[in-house]
Every structure is written in C-alpha cells, then in structure tokens.
C-alpha cells in the first residue's frame, strides 16, 4: 500500500501475467488533499473471499503523469470518451 510519487520507464520484463484480477477505485479526500486510490483484489482462484491485494494512491500530479504514459502507450485513446 503506497502513494506514488514518481514514475520512471523501466526495461520490459518478460511476458503477459497469467493471473487476472479486478481493480476497484475510489476518491480519497482530506484537508487540502485528493487522491485516486486503486485497489486490486485477489484472483478468482484465491481460496478465501476476495480481499485487497495491493493499493496505490495517486495525487493530481501523479495522475497527470500516468495519463501521459497511458496516452503514449495507447494513442488511440485520445479520441475517445473516458467516462467510467
């Protein structure tokens, strides 16, 4: 569980992950703060009930940087409606 403070490009590491999970999102607010929180949940093969595996939080600056990375990776997204 962590708040992202910086993004950097790292070398490609192998292949597509075999496990798929769901990701929940929420908006966290506090005095003068606003974060987007993304939480992944255990895979369907998990023995116990679904629970949060990892959580990251993005402030506005980190979200802007991540949007730039996403748009460079998937340029076709620029022309689409991005409503959840």
N, C-alpha and C. Protein backbone atom coordinates (compact mmCIF):
# COMPACT_ATOMS: atom_id res chain seq x y z
N UNK A 1 0.84 -1.15 0.00
CA UNK A 1 0.00 0.00 0.00
C UNK A 1 0.90 1.23 0.00
N UNK A 2 0.74 2.07 -1.03
CA UNK A 2 1.67 3.19 -1.15
C UNK A 2 1.08 4.31 -2.01
N UNK A 3 1.62 5.51 -1.81
CA UNK A 3 1.28 6.66 -2.65
C UNK A 3 2.40 6.82 -3.66
N UNK A 4 2.04 6.89 -4.93
CA UNK A 4 3.04 7.01 -6.00
C UNK A 4 3.56 8.44 -6.03
N UNK A 5 4.88 8.59 -5.98
CA UNK A 5 5.49 9.92 -6.02
C UNK A 5 6.22 10.20 -7.32
N UNK A 6 6.57 9.12 -8.06
CA UNK A 6 7.33 9.33 -9.29
C UNK A 6 7.15 8.11 -10.18
N UNK A 7 7.11 8.36 -11.48
CA UNK A 7 7.09 7.29 -12.48
C UNK A 7 8.40 7.35 -13.26
N UNK A 8 8.94 6.20 -13.61
CA UNK A 8 10.10 6.15 -14.48
C UNK A 8 9.97 4.92 -15.36
N UNK A 9 10.52 5.00 -16.57
CA UNK A 9 10.45 3.88 -17.50
C UNK A 9 11.48 2.83 -17.09
N UNK A 10 11.03 1.60 -17.02
CA UNK A 10 11.94 0.51 -16.69
C UNK A 10 11.98 -0.47 -17.85
N UNK A 11 13.01 -1.30 -17.91
CA UNK A 11 13.11 -2.26 -19.02
C UNK A 11 11.92 -3.23 -19.01
N UNK A 12 11.53 -3.65 -20.19
CA UNK A 12 10.46 -4.65 -20.30
C UNK A 12 10.92 -5.92 -19.60
N UNK A 13 9.99 -6.53 -18.88
CA UNK A 13 10.35 -7.72 -18.12
C UNK A 13 9.47 -8.89 -18.50
N UNK A 14 9.73 -9.49 -19.64
CA UNK A 14 9.10 -10.75 -19.97
C UNK A 14 7.79 -10.68 -20.69
N UNK A 15 6.81 -11.41 -20.15
CA UNK A 15 5.57 -11.65 -20.86
C UNK A 15 4.36 -11.22 -20.05
N UNK A 16 3.20 -11.37 -20.66
CA UNK A 16 1.93 -11.03 -20.02
C UNK A 16 1.73 -11.91 -18.79
N UNK A 17 1.23 -11.31 -17.71
CA UNK A 17 0.95 -12.07 -16.49
C UNK A 17 -0.21 -13.04 -16.73
N UNK A 18 -0.13 -14.25 -16.21
CA UNK A 18 -1.19 -15.23 -16.43
C UNK A 18 -2.43 -15.01 -15.56
N UNK A 19 -2.28 -14.32 -14.44
CA UNK A 19 -3.39 -14.13 -13.50
C UNK A 19 -4.11 -12.83 -13.79
N UNK A 20 -5.44 -12.88 -13.73
CA UNK A 20 -6.26 -11.68 -13.92
C UNK A 20 -6.95 -11.35 -12.60
N UNK A 21 -7.06 -10.06 -12.30
CA UNK A 21 -7.71 -9.60 -11.07
C UNK A 21 -8.63 -8.44 -11.39
N UNK A 22 -9.49 -8.12 -10.45
CA UNK A 22 -10.33 -6.93 -10.57
C UNK A 22 -9.66 -5.79 -9.82
N UNK A 23 -10.01 -4.56 -10.24
CA UNK A 23 -9.44 -3.36 -9.61
C UNK A 23 -10.57 -2.41 -9.25
N UNK A 24 -10.64 -2.07 -7.99
CA UNK A 24 -11.61 -1.08 -7.54
C UNK A 24 -10.94 0.28 -7.46
N UNK A 25 -11.72 1.33 -7.60
CA UNK A 25 -11.17 2.67 -7.46
C UNK A 25 -12.06 3.50 -6.57
N UNK A 26 -11.46 4.45 -5.88
CA UNK A 26 -12.21 5.36 -5.03
C UNK A 26 -11.45 6.68 -4.94
N UNK A 27 -12.15 7.70 -4.51
CA UNK A 27 -11.54 9.02 -4.32
C UNK A 27 -11.39 9.24 -2.82
N UNK A 28 -10.18 9.50 -2.41
CA UNK A 28 -9.86 9.74 -1.01
C UNK A 28 -9.62 11.24 -0.85
N UNK A 29 -10.27 11.84 0.14
CA UNK A 29 -10.08 13.27 0.38
C UNK A 29 -9.71 13.52 1.83
N UNK A 30 -8.99 14.58 2.01
CA UNK A 30 -8.61 15.04 3.34
C UNK A 30 -8.42 16.54 3.27
N UNK A 31 -8.05 17.17 4.35
CA UNK A 31 -7.85 18.62 4.33
C UNK A 31 -6.84 19.03 3.25
N UNK A 32 -7.30 19.63 2.19
CA UNK A 32 -6.43 20.09 1.12
C UNK A 32 -5.84 18.99 0.27
N UNK A 33 -6.34 17.77 0.39
CA UNK A 33 -5.79 16.64 -0.37
C UNK A 33 -6.90 15.92 -1.11
N UNK A 34 -6.52 15.33 -2.24
CA UNK A 34 -7.43 14.49 -3.02
C UNK A 34 -6.58 13.46 -3.74
N UNK A 35 -6.94 12.19 -3.57
CA UNK A 35 -6.18 11.10 -4.19
C UNK A 35 -7.13 10.16 -4.91
N UNK A 36 -6.65 9.59 -5.99
CA UNK A 36 -7.32 8.47 -6.64
C UNK A 36 -6.68 7.22 -6.06
N UNK A 37 -7.50 6.34 -5.49
CA UNK A 37 -6.97 5.10 -4.93
C UNK A 37 -7.41 3.94 -5.80
N UNK A 38 -6.44 3.11 -6.21
CA UNK A 38 -6.69 1.91 -7.00
C UNK A 38 -6.33 0.70 -6.15
N UNK A 39 -7.27 -0.24 -6.03
CA UNK A 39 -7.04 -1.43 -5.21
C UNK A 39 -7.30 -2.67 -6.03
N UNK A 40 -6.31 -3.56 -6.10
CA UNK A 40 -6.51 -4.83 -6.79
C UNK A 40 -6.94 -5.87 -5.78
N UNK A 41 -7.76 -6.80 -6.26
CA UNK A 41 -8.29 -7.86 -5.41
C UNK A 41 -7.74 -9.19 -5.87
N UNK A 42 -7.65 -10.15 -4.95
CA UNK A 42 -7.11 -11.46 -5.26
C UNK A 42 -7.81 -12.11 -6.43
N UNK A 43 -7.11 -13.00 -7.11
CA UNK A 43 -7.64 -13.66 -8.30
C UNK A 43 -8.82 -14.56 -7.95
N UNK A 44 -9.56 -14.97 -8.98
CA UNK A 44 -10.70 -15.86 -8.79
C UNK A 44 -10.29 -17.20 -8.20
N UNK A 45 -9.04 -17.60 -8.38
CA UNK A 45 -8.56 -18.88 -7.87
C UNK A 45 -8.20 -18.83 -6.38
N UNK A 46 -8.29 -17.66 -5.78
CA UNK A 46 -7.96 -17.49 -4.36
C UNK A 46 -8.85 -18.38 -3.50
N UNK A 47 -8.29 -18.99 -2.48
CA UNK A 47 -9.03 -19.89 -1.60
C UNK A 47 -10.04 -19.14 -0.72
N UNK A 48 -9.66 -17.98 -0.22
CA UNK A 48 -10.54 -17.22 0.68
C UNK A 48 -11.38 -16.22 -0.11
N UNK A 49 -12.23 -15.51 0.60
CA UNK A 49 -13.05 -14.48 -0.03
C UNK A 49 -12.16 -13.39 -0.62
N UNK A 50 -12.63 -12.72 -1.66
CA UNK A 50 -11.81 -11.66 -2.26
C UNK A 50 -11.42 -10.60 -1.22
N UNK A 51 -10.16 -10.23 -1.24
CA UNK A 51 -9.69 -9.15 -0.38
C UNK A 51 -8.64 -8.36 -1.13
N UNK A 52 -8.40 -7.15 -0.67
CA UNK A 52 -7.45 -6.25 -1.32
C UNK A 52 -6.05 -6.84 -1.26
N UNK A 53 -5.40 -6.89 -2.43
CA UNK A 53 -4.02 -7.38 -2.51
C UNK A 53 -3.03 -6.23 -2.48
N UNK A 54 -3.30 -5.20 -3.29
CA UNK A 54 -2.41 -4.04 -3.37
C UNK A 54 -3.25 -2.79 -3.55
N UNK A 55 -2.77 -1.69 -3.02
CA UNK A 55 -3.43 -0.40 -3.18
C UNK A 55 -2.38 0.65 -3.50
N UNK A 56 -2.67 1.48 -4.49
CA UNK A 56 -1.81 2.64 -4.75
C UNK A 56 -2.68 3.88 -4.75
N UNK A 57 -2.09 4.99 -4.38
CA UNK A 57 -2.78 6.27 -4.40
C UNK A 57 -2.01 7.23 -5.30
N UNK A 58 -2.79 8.00 -6.08
CA UNK A 58 -2.22 8.98 -7.00
C UNK A 58 -2.77 10.36 -6.64
N UNK A 59 -1.88 11.34 -6.46
CA UNK A 59 -2.36 12.71 -6.34
C UNK A 59 -2.53 13.27 -7.75
N UNK A 60 -2.93 14.53 -7.87
CA UNK A 60 -3.21 15.08 -9.20
C UNK A 60 -1.98 15.04 -10.10
N UNK A 61 -0.83 15.39 -9.57
CA UNK A 61 0.38 15.39 -10.40
C UNK A 61 0.70 13.98 -10.91
N UNK A 62 0.67 12.99 -10.02
CA UNK A 62 0.95 11.61 -10.43
C UNK A 62 -0.07 11.13 -11.45
N UNK A 63 -1.34 11.51 -11.28
CA UNK A 63 -2.38 11.12 -12.24
C UNK A 63 -2.11 11.74 -13.61
N UNK A 64 -1.68 12.99 -13.65
CA UNK A 64 -1.36 13.65 -14.93
C UNK A 64 -0.20 12.94 -15.63
N UNK A 65 0.83 12.58 -14.87
CA UNK A 65 1.97 11.87 -15.45
C UNK A 65 1.53 10.52 -15.99
N UNK A 66 0.73 9.78 -15.20
CA UNK A 66 0.26 8.47 -15.63
C UNK A 66 -0.62 8.59 -16.87
N UNK A 67 -1.46 9.62 -16.95
CA UNK A 67 -2.28 9.81 -18.16
C UNK A 67 -1.40 10.01 -19.38
N UNK A 68 -0.32 10.76 -19.25
CA UNK A 68 0.61 10.95 -20.36
C UNK A 68 1.25 9.64 -20.80
N UNK A 69 1.63 8.81 -19.83
CA UNK A 69 2.21 7.50 -20.14
C UNK A 69 1.18 6.63 -20.86
N UNK A 70 -0.04 6.63 -20.37
CA UNK A 70 -1.11 5.82 -20.99
C UNK A 70 -1.38 6.29 -22.41
N UNK A 71 -1.48 7.59 -22.63
CA UNK A 71 -1.76 8.11 -23.97
C UNK A 71 -0.61 7.83 -24.95
N UNK A 72 0.63 7.85 -24.46
CA UNK A 72 1.75 7.50 -25.34
C UNK A 72 1.73 6.00 -25.68
N UNK A 73 1.32 5.19 -24.73
CA UNK A 73 1.28 3.74 -24.94
C UNK A 73 0.10 3.33 -25.82
N UNK A 74 -1.05 3.99 -25.64
CA UNK A 74 -2.27 3.68 -26.38
C UNK A 74 -2.80 4.95 -27.04
N UNK A 75 -2.15 5.43 -28.13
CA UNK A 75 -2.52 6.71 -28.73
C UNK A 75 -3.97 6.78 -29.22
N UNK A 76 -4.59 5.65 -29.51
CA UNK A 76 -5.98 5.66 -29.96
C UNK A 76 -6.96 6.10 -28.89
N UNK A 77 -6.54 6.15 -27.64
CA UNK A 77 -7.43 6.57 -26.56
C UNK A 77 -7.72 8.06 -26.57
N UNK A 78 -6.86 8.84 -27.17
CA UNK A 78 -7.02 10.30 -27.15
C UNK A 78 -8.36 10.75 -27.72
N UNK A 79 -8.91 10.03 -28.69
CA UNK A 79 -10.12 10.46 -29.37
C UNK A 79 -11.40 9.88 -28.75
N UNK A 80 -11.30 9.18 -27.64
CA UNK A 80 -12.46 8.51 -27.04
C UNK A 80 -12.98 9.23 -25.82
N UNK A 81 -14.24 8.93 -25.49
CA UNK A 81 -14.85 9.38 -24.25
C UNK A 81 -14.31 8.51 -23.12
N UNK A 82 -13.88 9.09 -22.03
CA UNK A 82 -13.23 8.33 -20.96
C UNK A 82 -14.10 8.21 -19.72
N UNK A 83 -15.43 8.28 -19.86
CA UNK A 83 -16.32 8.14 -18.72
C UNK A 83 -16.23 6.71 -18.17
N UNK A 84 -16.21 6.59 -16.84
CA UNK A 84 -16.15 5.23 -16.24
C UNK A 84 -17.43 4.45 -16.47
